[in-house]
């Protein structure tokens, strides 16, 4: 398991990139800000995520 917020964010981003709606919704990456820069300000971060299965492409 990644040990820093930035490494964790990269791993989650890799998992998200496998989703068929990646980049097609406002709540999915890629985001319009630099995640490394945003998370770099913190020593810890809480990540809340859910696995959503889509029956059809949005």
N, C-alpha and C. Protein backbone atom coordinates (compact mmCIF):
# COMPACT_ATOMS: atom_id res chain seq x y z
N UNK A 1 0.84 -1.18 0.00
CA UNK A 1 0.00 0.00 0.00
C UNK A 1 0.88 1.24 0.00
N UNK A 2 0.60 2.20 -0.87
CA UNK A 2 1.39 3.43 -0.90
C UNK A 2 1.38 4.12 0.47
N UNK A 3 2.46 4.81 0.78
CA UNK A 3 2.60 5.39 2.11
C UNK A 3 2.41 6.89 2.19
N UNK A 4 2.26 7.57 1.08
CA UNK A 4 2.06 9.01 1.12
C UNK A 4 0.82 9.36 0.31
N UNK A 5 0.21 10.51 0.59
CA UNK A 5 -0.98 10.91 -0.19
C UNK A 5 -0.73 10.95 -1.70
N UNK A 6 0.45 11.39 -2.11
CA UNK A 6 0.73 11.49 -3.55
C UNK A 6 0.83 10.11 -4.18
N UNK A 7 1.53 9.18 -3.52
CA UNK A 7 1.63 7.82 -4.06
C UNK A 7 0.27 7.14 -4.10
N UNK A 8 -0.53 7.36 -3.07
CA UNK A 8 -1.87 6.79 -3.03
C UNK A 8 -2.73 7.36 -4.14
N UNK A 9 -2.65 8.67 -4.36
CA UNK A 9 -3.43 9.30 -5.42
C UNK A 9 -3.04 8.75 -6.79
N UNK A 10 -1.76 8.50 -7.00
CA UNK A 10 -1.32 7.94 -8.27
C UNK A 10 -1.89 6.54 -8.48
N UNK A 11 -1.89 5.73 -7.42
CA UNK A 11 -2.43 4.37 -7.51
C UNK A 11 -3.93 4.42 -7.81
N UNK A 12 -4.66 5.27 -7.13
CA UNK A 12 -6.09 5.40 -7.37
C UNK A 12 -6.34 5.89 -8.80
N UNK A 13 -5.53 6.84 -9.25
CA UNK A 13 -5.65 7.32 -10.62
C UNK A 13 -5.45 6.23 -11.64
N UNK A 14 -4.51 5.33 -11.38
CA UNK A 14 -4.27 4.19 -12.28
C UNK A 14 -5.49 3.28 -12.32
N UNK A 15 -6.10 3.04 -11.17
CA UNK A 15 -7.30 2.21 -11.13
C UNK A 15 -8.46 2.89 -11.84
N UNK A 16 -8.61 4.19 -11.64
CA UNK A 16 -9.68 4.93 -12.31
C UNK A 16 -9.53 4.91 -13.83
N UNK A 17 -8.30 4.96 -14.29
CA UNK A 17 -8.04 4.99 -15.73
C UNK A 17 -8.55 3.73 -16.44
N UNK A 18 -8.76 2.66 -15.69
CA UNK A 18 -9.28 1.42 -16.27
C UNK A 18 -10.80 1.47 -16.49
N UNK A 19 -11.47 2.45 -15.92
CA UNK A 19 -12.93 2.55 -15.99
C UNK A 19 -13.36 3.09 -17.36
N UNK A 20 -14.46 2.57 -17.91
CA UNK A 20 -14.92 3.05 -19.22
C UNK A 20 -15.44 4.48 -19.22
N UNK A 21 -15.73 5.07 -18.06
CA UNK A 21 -16.19 6.46 -18.03
C UNK A 21 -15.11 7.42 -17.53
N UNK A 22 -13.88 6.94 -17.47
CA UNK A 22 -12.75 7.78 -17.06
C UNK A 22 -12.70 9.02 -17.95
N UNK A 23 -12.68 10.18 -17.31
CA UNK A 23 -12.59 11.45 -18.05
C UNK A 23 -13.89 11.91 -18.68
N UNK A 24 -14.98 11.22 -18.40
CA UNK A 24 -16.25 11.58 -19.02
C UNK A 24 -17.27 12.14 -18.03
N UNK A 25 -16.91 12.21 -16.76
CA UNK A 25 -17.81 12.77 -15.75
C UNK A 25 -17.04 13.78 -14.91
N UNK A 26 -17.75 14.69 -14.28
CA UNK A 26 -17.10 15.76 -13.50
C UNK A 26 -16.42 15.22 -12.25
N UNK A 27 -16.84 14.09 -11.75
CA UNK A 27 -16.30 13.58 -10.49
C UNK A 27 -15.19 12.55 -10.67
N UNK A 28 -14.83 12.26 -11.90
CA UNK A 28 -13.76 11.30 -12.18
C UNK A 28 -12.52 12.03 -12.71
N UNK A 29 -11.35 11.47 -12.42
CA UNK A 29 -10.15 12.04 -13.03
C UNK A 29 -10.15 11.82 -14.54
N UNK A 30 -9.33 12.51 -15.27
CA UNK A 30 -8.34 13.46 -14.78
C UNK A 30 -8.99 14.78 -14.37
N UNK A 31 -8.39 15.44 -13.39
CA UNK A 31 -8.94 16.68 -12.86
C UNK A 31 -8.27 17.87 -13.51
N UNK A 32 -8.85 19.05 -13.30
CA UNK A 32 -8.30 20.27 -13.89
C UNK A 32 -7.29 20.96 -12.97
N UNK A 33 -6.74 20.21 -12.02
CA UNK A 33 -5.70 20.72 -11.14
C UNK A 33 -4.64 19.63 -10.99
N UNK A 34 -3.48 20.02 -10.55
CA UNK A 34 -2.37 19.08 -10.37
C UNK A 34 -2.54 18.37 -9.03
N UNK A 35 -2.83 17.09 -9.06
CA UNK A 35 -3.09 16.33 -7.84
C UNK A 35 -1.85 16.29 -6.95
N UNK A 36 -0.67 16.12 -7.53
CA UNK A 36 0.57 16.10 -6.74
C UNK A 36 0.76 17.41 -5.99
N UNK A 37 0.54 18.52 -6.67
CA UNK A 37 0.69 19.83 -6.03
C UNK A 37 -0.34 20.02 -4.92
N UNK A 38 -1.57 19.64 -5.18
CA UNK A 38 -2.64 19.79 -4.19
C UNK A 38 -2.35 18.96 -2.94
N UNK A 39 -2.02 17.68 -3.13
CA UNK A 39 -1.79 16.80 -1.99
C UNK A 39 -0.44 17.02 -1.33
N UNK A 40 0.50 17.63 -2.04
CA UNK A 40 1.83 17.87 -1.50
C UNK A 40 1.84 18.79 -0.30
N UNK A 41 0.77 19.50 -0.09
CA UNK A 41 0.67 20.41 1.06
C UNK A 41 0.37 19.67 2.36
N UNK A 42 0.02 18.40 2.27
CA UNK A 42 -0.45 17.65 3.43
C UNK A 42 0.47 16.48 3.77
N UNK A 43 0.51 16.15 5.05
CA UNK A 43 1.23 14.96 5.49
C UNK A 43 0.34 13.73 5.42
N UNK A 44 -0.95 13.93 5.59
CA UNK A 44 -1.93 12.84 5.58
C UNK A 44 -3.14 13.25 4.76
N UNK A 45 -3.81 12.27 4.22
CA UNK A 45 -5.05 12.54 3.48
C UNK A 45 -5.99 11.35 3.68
N UNK A 46 -7.25 11.65 3.79
CA UNK A 46 -8.26 10.60 3.87
C UNK A 46 -8.86 10.44 2.48
N UNK A 47 -8.92 9.23 2.03
CA UNK A 47 -9.46 8.95 0.70
C UNK A 47 -10.73 8.13 0.85
N UNK A 48 -11.79 8.64 0.26
CA UNK A 48 -13.05 7.91 0.24
C UNK A 48 -13.33 7.56 -1.21
N UNK A 49 -13.49 6.30 -1.48
CA UNK A 49 -13.71 5.86 -2.86
C UNK A 49 -14.77 4.77 -2.88
N UNK A 50 -15.35 4.60 -4.04
CA UNK A 50 -16.34 3.55 -4.23
C UNK A 50 -16.12 2.92 -5.60
N UNK A 51 -16.35 1.65 -5.68
CA UNK A 51 -16.29 0.97 -6.96
C UNK A 51 -17.71 0.95 -7.52
N UNK A 52 -17.87 1.55 -8.68
CA UNK A 52 -19.18 1.64 -9.31
C UNK A 52 -19.13 0.86 -10.61
N UNK A 53 -20.09 -0.01 -10.80
CA UNK A 53 -20.18 -0.79 -12.02
C UNK A 53 -21.27 -0.19 -12.90
N UNK A 54 -20.90 0.14 -14.13
CA UNK A 54 -21.83 0.77 -15.06
C UNK A 54 -22.40 -0.32 -16.00
N UNK A 55 -23.72 -0.35 -16.12
CA UNK A 55 -24.35 -1.28 -17.04
C UNK A 55 -24.17 -0.84 -18.49
N UNK A 56 -24.14 0.47 -18.67
CA UNK A 56 -23.93 1.00 -20.02
C UNK A 56 -23.07 2.25 -19.90
N UNK A 57 -22.44 2.60 -20.98
CA UNK A 57 -21.57 3.77 -20.99
C UNK A 57 -22.37 5.05 -20.83
N UNK A 58 -21.88 5.95 -20.01
CA UNK A 58 -22.55 7.23 -19.79
C UNK A 58 -22.28 8.14 -20.97
